[in-house]
Amino acid sequence: MSQEFVLHIGREALLTALMLAAPALIIGLAVGLAVSVFQATTQIQEQTLTFVPKIVAVLLSLLIFGSWMLTILVSFTSNLFTGLSTLVR
């Protein structure tokens, strides 16, 4: 097992984690920005107004992108297990 192989596995793991987290984070960011603009224009400073829409948006994004996320994760795990024979040597 060489250093390049270990770095490749680490790089693929980080990219996979970023790909899995990106949809929920981007949608949460967009909803948070929209709620902040709404609060600034209406001068409503309710604390629950910032959290509840973000939680709902992230849960909906997980429902929408969940199958795609699972496919990416299964593909990464499958590639890792198929390359396991080269790690054992």
PDB file of N, CA and C in Angstrom:
ATOM      1  N   MET A   1       0.852  -1.165   0.000  1.00  0.00           N
ATOM      2  CA  MET A   1       0.000   0.000   0.000  1.00  0.00           C
ATOM      3  C   MET A   1       0.905   1.238   0.000  1.00  0.00           C
ATOM      4  N   SER A   2       0.755   2.063  -1.006  1.00  0.00           N
ATOM      5  CA  SER A   2       1.605   3.238  -1.140  1.00  0.00           C
ATOM      6  C   SER A   2       0.917   4.474  -0.587  1.00  0.00           C
ATOM      7  N   GLN A   3       1.698   5.525  -0.465  1.00  0.00           N
ATOM      8  CA  GLN A   3       1.144   6.778   0.027  1.00  0.00           C
ATOM      9  C   GLN A   3       0.146   7.363  -0.959  1.00  0.00           C
ATOM     10  N   GLU A   4       0.396   7.181  -2.242  1.00  0.00           N
ATOM     11  CA  GLU A   4      -0.517   7.703  -3.255  1.00  0.00           C
ATOM     12  C   GLU A   4      -1.887   7.043  -3.150  1.00  0.00           C
ATOM     13  N   PHE A   5      -1.890   5.743  -2.868  1.00  0.00           N
ATOM     14  CA  PHE A   5      -3.146   5.022  -2.754  1.00  0.00           C
ATOM     15  C   PHE A   5      -3.940   5.490  -1.540  1.00  0.00           C
ATOM     16  N   VAL A   6      -3.250   5.702  -0.431  1.00  0.00           N
ATOM     17  CA  VAL A   6      -3.910   6.186   0.783  1.00  0.00           C
ATOM     18  C   VAL A   6      -4.455   7.590   0.562  1.00  0.00           C
ATOM     19  N   LEU A   7      -3.673   8.446  -0.095  1.00  0.00           N
ATOM     20  CA  LEU A   7      -4.143   9.801  -0.391  1.00  0.00           C
ATOM     21  C   LEU A   7      -5.326   9.777  -1.350  1.00  0.00           C
ATOM     22  N   HIS A   8      -5.323   8.840  -2.285  1.00  0.00           N
ATOM     23  CA  HIS A   8      -6.442   8.711  -3.214  1.00  0.00           C
ATOM     24  C   HIS A   8      -7.717   8.311  -2.478  1.00  0.00           C
ATOM     25  N   ILE A   9      -7.608   7.367  -1.571  1.00  0.00           N
ATOM     26  CA  ILE A   9      -8.775   6.940  -0.788  1.00  0.00           C
ATOM     27  C   ILE A   9      -9.285   8.095   0.078  1.00  0.00           C
ATOM     28  N   GLY A  10      -8.368   8.818   0.718  1.00  0.00           N
ATOM     29  CA  GLY A  10      -8.771   9.959   1.541  1.00  0.00           C
ATOM     30  C   GLY A  10      -9.436  11.052   0.722  1.00  0.00           C
ATOM     31  N   ARG A  11      -8.879  11.304  -0.465  1.00  0.00           N
ATOM     32  CA  ARG A  11      -9.462  12.328  -1.346  1.00  0.00           C
ATOM     33  C   ARG A  11     -10.861  11.914  -1.794  1.00  0.00           C
ATOM     34  N   GLU A  12     -11.026  10.659  -2.176  1.00  0.00           N
ATOM     35  CA  GLU A  12     -12.340  10.173  -2.592  1.00  0.00           C
ATOM     36  C   GLU A  12     -13.344  10.218  -1.439  1.00  0.00           C
ATOM     37  N   ALA A  13     -12.889   9.917  -0.227  1.00  0.00           N
ATOM     38  CA  ALA A  13     -13.781   9.970   0.935  1.00  0.00           C
ATOM     39  C   ALA A  13     -14.234  11.407   1.205  1.00  0.00           C
ATOM     40  N   LEU A  14     -13.310  12.361   1.114  1.00  0.00           N
ATOM     41  CA  LEU A  14     -13.681  13.764   1.327  1.00  0.00           C
ATOM     42  C   LEU A  14     -14.623  14.271   0.241  1.00  0.00           C
ATOM     43  N   LEU A  15     -14.357  13.920  -0.994  1.00  0.00           N
ATOM     44  CA  LEU A  15     -15.238  14.338  -2.084  1.00  0.00           C
ATOM     45  C   LEU A  15     -16.632  13.726  -1.942  1.00  0.00           C
ATOM     46  N   THR A  16     -16.679  12.484  -1.519  1.00  0.00           N
ATOM     47  CA  THR A  16     -17.967  11.830  -1.311  1.00  0.00           C
ATOM     48  C   THR A  16     -18.739  12.498  -0.177  1.00  0.00           C
ATOM     49  N   ALA A  17     -18.045  12.819   0.905  1.00  0.00           N
ATOM     50  CA  ALA A  17     -18.703  13.499   2.024  1.00  0.00           C
ATOM     51  C   ALA A  17     -19.221  14.866   1.604  1.00  0.00           C
ATOM     52  N   LEU A  18     -18.441  15.595   0.812  1.00  0.00           N
ATOM     53  CA  LEU A  18     -18.892  16.903   0.324  1.00  0.00           C
ATOM     54  C   LEU A  18     -20.089  16.776  -0.602  1.00  0.00           C
ATOM     55  N   MET A  19     -20.065  15.778  -1.473  1.00  0.00           N
ATOM     56  CA  MET A  19     -21.192  15.574  -2.388  1.00  0.00           C
ATOM     57  C   MET A  19     -22.458  15.196  -1.628  1.00  0.00           C
ATOM     58  N   LEU A  20     -22.319  14.427  -0.565  1.00  0.00           N
ATOM     59  CA  LEU A  20     -23.483  14.013   0.210  1.00  0.00           C
ATOM     60  C   LEU A  20     -24.054  15.168   1.039  1.00  0.00           C
ATOM     61  N   ALA A  21     -23.195  16.032   1.531  1.00  0.00           N
ATOM     62  CA  ALA A  21     -23.656  17.120   2.390  1.00  0.00           C
ATOM     63  C   ALA A  21     -24.122  18.346   1.609  1.00  0.00           C
ATOM     64  N   ALA A  22     -23.664  18.500   0.373  1.00  0.00           N
ATOM     65  CA  ALA A  22     -23.917  19.730  -0.390  1.00  0.00           C
ATOM     66  C   ALA A  22     -25.393  20.058  -0.595  1.00  0.00           C
ATOM     67  N   PRO A  23     -26.244  19.126  -1.023  1.00  0.00           N
ATOM     68  CA  PRO A  23     -27.643  19.523  -1.258  1.00  0.00           C
ATOM     69  C   PRO A  23     -28.347  20.067  -0.012  1.00  0.00           C
ATOM     70  N   ALA A  24     -28.185  19.393   1.107  1.00  0.00           N
ATOM     71  CA  ALA A  24     -28.848  19.835   2.331  1.00  0.00           C
ATOM     72  C   ALA A  24     -28.280  21.168   2.812  1.00  0.00           C
ATOM     73  N   LEU A  25     -26.968  21.345   2.711  1.00  0.00           N
ATOM     74  CA  LEU A  25     -26.359  22.589   3.162  1.00  0.00           C
ATOM     75  C   LEU A  25     -26.738  23.769   2.279  1.00  0.00           C
ATOM     76  N   ILE A  26     -26.760  23.550   0.972  1.00  0.00           N
ATOM     77  CA  ILE A  26     -27.099  24.637   0.054  1.00  0.00           C
ATOM     78  C   ILE A  26     -28.559  25.054   0.219  1.00  0.00           C
ATOM     79  N   ILE A  27     -29.439  24.086   0.338  1.00  0.00           N
ATOM     80  CA  ILE A  27     -30.857  24.413   0.518  1.00  0.00           C
ATOM     81  C   ILE A  27     -31.083  25.082   1.877  1.00  0.00           C
ATOM     82  N   GLY A  28     -30.417  24.603   2.919  1.00  0.00           N
ATOM     83  CA  GLY A  28     -30.518  25.247   4.228  1.00  0.00           C
ATOM     84  C   GLY A  28     -29.992  26.671   4.207  1.00  0.00           C
ATOM     85  N   LEU A  29     -28.917  26.889   3.470  1.00  0.00           N
ATOM     86  CA  LEU A  29     -28.370  28.238   3.339  1.00  0.00           C
ATOM     87  C   LEU A  29     -29.325  29.157   2.602  1.00  0.00           C
ATOM     88  N   ALA A  30     -29.914  28.669   1.529  1.00  0.00           N
ATOM     89  CA  ALA A  30     -30.849  29.495   0.747  1.00  0.00           C
ATOM     90  C   ALA A  30     -32.092  29.841   1.559  1.00  0.00           C
ATOM     91  N   VAL A  31     -32.626  28.870   2.271  1.00  0.00           N
ATOM     92  CA  VAL A  31     -33.812  29.128   3.093  1.00  0.00           C
ATOM     93  C   VAL A  31     -33.469  30.072   4.235  1.00  0.00           C
ATOM     94  N   GLY A  32     -32.312  29.902   4.851  1.00  0.00           N
ATOM     95  CA  GLY A  32     -31.887  30.805   5.918  1.00  0.00           C
ATOM     96  C   GLY A  32     -31.729  32.233   5.426  1.00  0.00           C
ATOM     97  N   LEU A  33     -31.174  32.392   4.222  1.00  0.00           N
ATOM     98  CA  LEU A  33     -31.032  33.727   3.649  1.00  0.00           C
ATOM     99  C   LEU A  33     -32.392  34.351   3.353  1.00  0.00           C
ATOM    100  N   ALA A  34     -33.312  33.554   2.810  1.00  0.00           N
ATOM    101  CA  ALA A  34     -34.653  34.064   2.516  1.00  0.00           C
ATOM    102  C   ALA A  34     -35.389  34.467   3.795  1.00  0.00           C
ATOM    103  N   VAL A  35     -35.259  33.680   4.844  1.00  0.00           N
ATOM    104  CA  VAL A  35     -35.911  34.005   6.117  1.00  0.00           C
ATOM    105  C   VAL A  35     -35.278  35.259   6.725  1.00  0.00           C
ATOM    106  N   SER A  36     -33.972  35.404   6.601  1.00  0.00           N
ATOM    107  CA  SER A  36     -33.308  36.595   7.130  1.00  0.00           C
ATOM    108  C   SER A  36     -33.754  37.852   6.402  1.00  0.00           C
ATOM    109  N   VAL A  37     -33.887  37.765   5.094  1.00  0.00           N
ATOM    110  CA  VAL A  37     -34.377  38.911   4.321  1.00  0.00           C
ATOM    111  C   VAL A  37     -35.819  39.223   4.712  1.00  0.00           C
ATOM    112  N   PHE A  38     -36.626  38.186   4.881  1.00  0.00           N
ATOM    113  CA  PHE A  38     -38.014  38.383   5.310  1.00  0.00           C
ATOM    114  C   PHE A  38     -38.074  39.044   6.680  1.00  0.00           C
ATOM    115  N   GLN A  39     -37.235  38.595   7.604  1.00  0.00           N
ATOM    116  CA  GLN A  39     -37.223  39.182   8.942  1.00  0.00           C
ATOM    117  C   GLN A  39     -36.744  40.629   8.911  1.00  0.00           C
ATOM    118  N   ALA A  40     -35.776  40.914   8.056  1.00  0.00           N
ATOM    119  CA  ALA A  40     -35.259  42.279   7.978  1.00  0.00           C
ATOM    120  C   ALA A  40     -36.291  43.229   7.379  1.00  0.00           C
ATOM    121  N   THR A  41     -37.051  42.754   6.404  1.00  0.00           N
ATOM    122  CA  THR A  41     -38.029  43.641   5.774  1.00  0.00           C
ATOM    123  C   THR A  41     -39.267  43.848   6.634  1.00  0.00           C
ATOM    124  N   THR A  42     -39.660  42.825   7.373  1.00  0.00           N
ATOM    125  CA  THR A  42     -40.873  42.949   8.194  1.00  0.00           C
ATOM    126  C   THR A  42     -40.573  43.317   9.639  1.00  0.00           C
ATOM    127  N   GLN A  43     -39.318  43.294  10.034  1.00  0.00           N
ATOM    128  CA  GLN A  43     -38.873  43.577  11.395  1.00  0.00           C
ATOM    129  C   GLN A  43     -39.490  42.633  12.416  1.00  0.00           C
ATOM    130  N   ILE A  44     -39.748  41.412  12.005  1.00  0.00           N
ATOM    131  CA  ILE A  44     -40.197  40.360  12.922  1.00  0.00           C
ATOM    132  C   ILE A  44     -38.952  39.638  13.406  1.00  0.00           C
ATOM    133  N   GLN A  45     -38.719  39.644  14.703  1.00  0.00           N
ATOM    134  CA  GLN A  45     -37.515  39.014  15.241  1.00  0.00           C
ATOM    135  C   GLN A  45     -37.870  37.799  16.101  1.00  0.00           C
ATOM    136  N   GLU A  46     -38.625  36.896  15.539  1.00  0.00           N
ATOM    137  CA  GLU A  46     -39.010  35.671  16.235  1.00  0.00           C
ATOM    138  C   GLU A  46     -37.909  34.626  16.036  1.00  0.00           C
ATOM    139  N   GLN A  47     -37.425  34.047  17.136  1.00  0.00           N
ATOM    140  CA  GLN A  47     -36.315  33.097  17.059  1.00  0.00           C
ATOM    141  C   GLN A  47     -36.706  31.792  16.378  1.00  0.00           C
ATOM    142  N   THR A  48     -37.935  31.332  16.599  1.00  0.00           N
ATOM    143  CA  THR A  48     -38.337  30.064  15.981  1.00  0.00           C
ATOM    144  C   THR A  48     -38.529  30.200  14.481  1.00  0.00           C
ATOM    145  N   LEU A  49     -38.739  31.410  14.017  1.00  0.00           N
ATOM    146  CA  LEU A  49     -38.922  31.624  12.577  1.00  0.00           C
ATOM    147  C   LEU A  49     -37.653  31.322  11.795  1.00  0.00           C
ATOM    148  N   THR A  50     -36.504  31.386  12.442  1.00  0.00           N
ATOM    149  CA  THR A  50     -35.262  31.098  11.727  1.00  0.00           C
ATOM    150  C   THR A  50     -34.969  29.603  11.664  1.00  0.00           C
ATOM    151  N   PHE A  51     -35.376  28.843  12.668  1.00  0.00           N
ATOM    152  CA  PHE A  51     -34.997  27.435  12.731  1.00  0.00           C
ATOM    153  C   PHE A  51     -35.992  26.491  12.054  1.00  0.00           C
ATOM    154  N   VAL A  52     -37.259  26.721  12.240  1.00  0.00           N
ATOM    155  CA  VAL A  52     -38.270  25.790  11.730  1.00  0.00           C
ATOM    156  C   VAL A  52     -38.243  25.677  10.206  1.00  0.00           C
ATOM    157  N   PRO A  53     -38.200  26.767   9.438  1.00  0.00           N
ATOM    158  CA  PRO A  53     -38.138  26.603   7.980  1.00  0.00           C
ATOM    159  C   PRO A  53     -36.864  25.911   7.502  1.00  0.00           C
ATOM    160  N   LYS A  54     -35.743  26.178   8.185  1.00  0.00           N
ATOM    161  CA  LYS A  54     -34.491  25.510   7.804  1.00  0.00           C
ATOM    162  C   LYS A  54     -34.575  24.007   8.046  1.00  0.00           C
ATOM    163  N   ILE A  55     -35.123  23.621   9.175  1.00  0.00           N
ATOM    164  CA  ILE A  55     -35.249  22.189   9.493  1.00  0.00           C
ATOM    165  C   ILE A  55     -36.166  21.504   8.487  1.00  0.00           C
ATOM    166  N   VAL A  56     -37.274  22.141   8.163  1.00  0.00           N
ATOM    167  CA  VAL A  56     -38.210  21.569   7.189  1.00  0.00           C
ATOM    168  C   VAL A  56     -37.555  21.472   5.815  1.00  0.00           C
ATOM    169  N   ALA A  57     -36.817  22.501   5.416  1.00  0.00           N
ATOM    170  CA  ALA A  57     -36.159  22.495   4.104  1.00  0.00           C
ATOM    171  C   ALA A  57     -35.086  21.412   4.022  1.00  0.00           C
ATOM    172  N   VAL A  58     -34.318  21.251   5.089  1.00  0.00           N
ATOM    173  CA  VAL A  58     -33.280  20.217   5.077  1.00  0.00           C
ATOM    174  C   VAL A  58     -33.917  18.825   5.050  1.00  0.00           C
ATOM    175  N   LEU A  59     -34.982  18.617   5.801  1.00  0.00           N
ATOM    176  CA  LEU A  59     -35.667  17.321   5.771  1.00  0.00           C
ATOM    177  C   LEU A  59     -36.253  17.028   4.387  1.00  0.00           C
ATOM    178  N   LEU A  60     -36.832  18.042   3.752  1.00  0.00           N
ATOM    179  CA  LEU A  60     -37.345  17.857   2.390  1.00  0.00           C
ATOM    180  C   LEU A  60     -36.222  17.576   1.398  1.00  0.00           C
ATOM    181  N   SER A  61     -35.091  18.239   1.568  1.00  0.00           N
ATOM    182  CA  SER A  61     -33.964  17.974   0.669  1.00  0.00           C
ATOM    183  C   SER A  61     -33.438  16.559   0.860  1.00  0.00           C
ATOM    184  N   LEU A  62     -33.458  16.061   2.094  1.00  0.00           N
ATOM    185  CA  LEU A  62     -33.048  14.676   2.326  1.00  0.00           C
ATOM    186  C   LEU A  62     -34.026  13.692   1.701  1.00  0.00           C
ATOM    187  N   LEU A  63     -35.312  14.029   1.722  1.00  0.00           N
ATOM    188  CA  LEU A  63     -36.298  13.164   1.064  1.00  0.00           C
ATOM    189  C   LEU A  63     -36.129  13.182  -0.458  1.00  0.00           C
ATOM    190  N   ILE A  64     -35.847  14.357  -1.003  1.00  0.00           N
ATOM    191  CA  ILE A  64     -35.712  14.477  -2.453  1.00  0.00           C
ATOM    192  C   ILE A  64     -34.409  13.856  -2.949  1.00  0.00           C
ATOM    193  N   PHE A  65     -33.302  14.187  -2.284  1.00  0.00           N
ATOM    194  CA  PHE A  65     -31.987  13.736  -2.748  1.00  0.00           C
ATOM    195  C   PHE A  65     -31.513  12.460  -2.058  1.00  0.00           C
ATOM    196  N   GLY A  66     -32.348  11.864  -1.218  1.00  0.00           N
ATOM    197  CA  GLY A  66     -31.926  10.688  -0.455  1.00  0.00           C
ATOM    198  C   GLY A  66     -31.516   9.507  -1.301  1.00  0.00           C
ATOM    199  N   SER A  67     -32.272   9.220  -2.356  1.00  0.00           N
ATOM    200  CA  SER A  67     -31.908   8.064  -3.195  1.00  0.00           C
ATOM    201  C   SER A  67     -30.605   8.316  -3.941  1.00  0.00           C
ATOM    202  N   TRP A  68     -30.390   9.551  -4.393  1.00  0.00           N
ATOM    203  CA  TRP A  68     -29.138   9.889  -5.065  1.00  0.00           C
ATOM    204  C   TRP A  68     -27.965   9.789  -4.092  1.00  0.00           C
ATOM    205  N   MET A  69     -28.169  10.257  -2.857  1.00  0.00           N
ATOM    206  CA  MET A  69     -27.123  10.187  -1.839  1.00  0.00           C
ATOM    207  C   MET A  69     -26.779   8.736  -1.511  1.00  0.00           C
ATOM    208  N   LEU A  70     -27.803   7.911  -1.413  1.00  0.00           N
ATOM    209  CA  LEU A  70     -27.570   6.508  -1.118  1.00  0.00           C
ATOM    210  C   LEU A  70     -26.823   5.820  -2.258  1.00  0.00           C
ATOM    211  N   THR A  71     -27.143   6.173  -3.488  1.00  0.00           N
ATOM    212  CA  THR A  71     -26.440   5.608  -4.643  1.00  0.00           C
ATOM    213  C   THR A  71     -24.968   5.988  -4.615  1.00  0.00           C
ATOM    214  N   ILE A  72     -24.667   7.247  -4.319  1.00  0.00           N
ATOM    215  CA  ILE A  72     -23.273   7.707  -4.236  1.00  0.00           C
ATOM    216  C   ILE A  72     -22.540   6.977  -3.120  1.00  0.00           C
ATOM    217  N   LEU A  73     -23.182   6.831  -1.976  1.00  0.00           N
ATOM    218  CA  LEU A  73     -22.550   6.176  -0.836  1.00  0.00           C
ATOM    219  C   LEU A  73     -22.314   4.697  -1.095  1.00  0.00           C
ATOM    220  N   VAL A  74     -23.279   4.028  -1.717  1.00  0.00           N
ATOM    221  CA  VAL A  74     -23.110   2.602  -2.039  1.00  0.00           C
ATOM    222  C   VAL A  74     -22.016   2.426  -3.080  1.00  0.00           C
ATOM    223  N   SER A  75     -21.935   3.327  -4.046  1.00  0.00           N
ATOM    224  CA  SER A  75     -20.886   3.259  -5.061  1.00  0.00           C
ATOM    225  C   SER A  75     -19.504   3.430  -4.428  1.00  0.00           C
ATOM    226  N   PHE A  76     -19.367   4.388  -3.528  1.00  0.00           N
ATOM    227  CA  PHE A  76     -18.085   4.595  -2.851  1.00  0.00           C
ATOM    228  C   PHE A  76     -17.697   3.375  -2.023  1.00  0.00           C
ATOM    229  N   THR A  77     -18.661   2.835  -1.286  1.00  0.00           N
ATOM    230  CA  THR A  77     -18.381   1.672  -0.447  1.00  0.00           C
ATOM    231  C   THR A  77     -18.032   0.461  -1.297  1.00  0.00           C
ATOM    232  N   SER A  78     -18.724   0.284  -2.396  1.00  0.00           N
ATOM    233  CA  SER A  78     -18.434  -0.821  -3.297  1.00  0.00           C
ATOM    234  C   SER A  78     -17.030  -0.701  -3.876  1.00  0.00           C
ATOM    235  N   ASN A  79     -16.657   0.492  -4.299  1.00  0.00           N
ATOM    236  CA  ASN A  79     -15.297   0.705  -4.822  1.00  0.00           C
ATOM    237  C   ASN A  79     -14.245   0.464  -3.752  1.00  0.00           C
ATOM    238  N   LEU A  80     -14.553   0.846  -2.522  1.00  0.00           N
ATOM    239  CA  LEU A  80     -13.615   0.631  -1.427  1.00  0.00           C
ATOM    240  C   LEU A  80     -13.442  -0.854  -1.131  1.00  0.00           C
ATOM    241  N   PHE A  81     -14.550  -1.617  -1.145  1.00  0.00           N
ATOM    242  CA  PHE A  81     -14.457  -3.047  -0.874  1.00  0.00           C
ATOM    243  C   PHE A  81     -13.813  -3.813  -2.015  1.00  0.00           C
ATOM    244  N   THR A  82     -14.029  -3.376  -3.247  1.00  0.00           N
ATOM    245  CA  THR A  82     -13.368  -4.058  -4.368  1.00  0.00           C
ATOM    246  C   THR A  82     -11.875  -3.800  -4.366  1.00  0.00           C
ATOM    247  N   GLY A  83     -11.462  -2.647  -3.862  1.00  0.00           N
ATOM    248  CA  GLY A  83     -10.031  -2.348  -3.768  1.00  0.00           C
ATOM    249  C   GLY A  83      -9.396  -2.883  -2.512  1.00  0.00           C
ATOM    250  N   LEU A  84     -10.170  -3.565  -1.688  1.00  0.00           N
ATOM    251  CA  LEU A  84      -9.670  -4.116  -0.442  1.00  0.00           C
ATOM    252  C   LEU A  84      -8.607  -5.186  -0.662  1.00  0.00           C
ATOM    253  N   SER A  85      -8.717  -5.908  -1.764  1.00  0.00           N
ATOM    254  CA  SER A  85      -7.725  -6.953  -2.034  1.00  0.00           C
ATOM    255  C   SER A  85      -6.329  -6.364  -2.236  1.00  0.00           C
ATOM    256  N   THR A  86      -6.242  -5.165  -2.750  1.00  0.00           N
ATOM    257  CA  THR A  86      -4.929  -4.533  -2.910  1.00  0.00           C
ATOM    258  C   THR A  86      -4.398  -4.004  -1.584  1.00  0.00           C
ATOM    259  N   LEU A  87      -5.295  -3.735  -0.643  1.00  0.00           N
ATOM    260  CA  LEU A  87      -4.866  -3.252   0.668  1.00  0.00           C
ATOM    261  C   LEU A  87      -4.294  -4.372   1.536  1.00  0.00           C
ATOM    262  N   VAL A  88      -4.775  -5.585   1.351  1.00  0.00           N
ATOM    263  CA  VAL A  88      -4.405  -6.705   2.207  1.00  0.00           C
ATOM    264  C   VAL A  88      -2.971  -7.154   1.954  1.00  0.00           C
ATOM    265  N   ARG A  89      -2.513  -7.006   0.757  1.00  0.00           N
ATOM    266  CA  ARG A  89      -1.149  -7.479   0.427  1.00  0.00           C
ATOM    267  C   ARG A  89      -0.111  -6.939   1.284  1.00  0.00           C
TER     268      ARG A  89
END
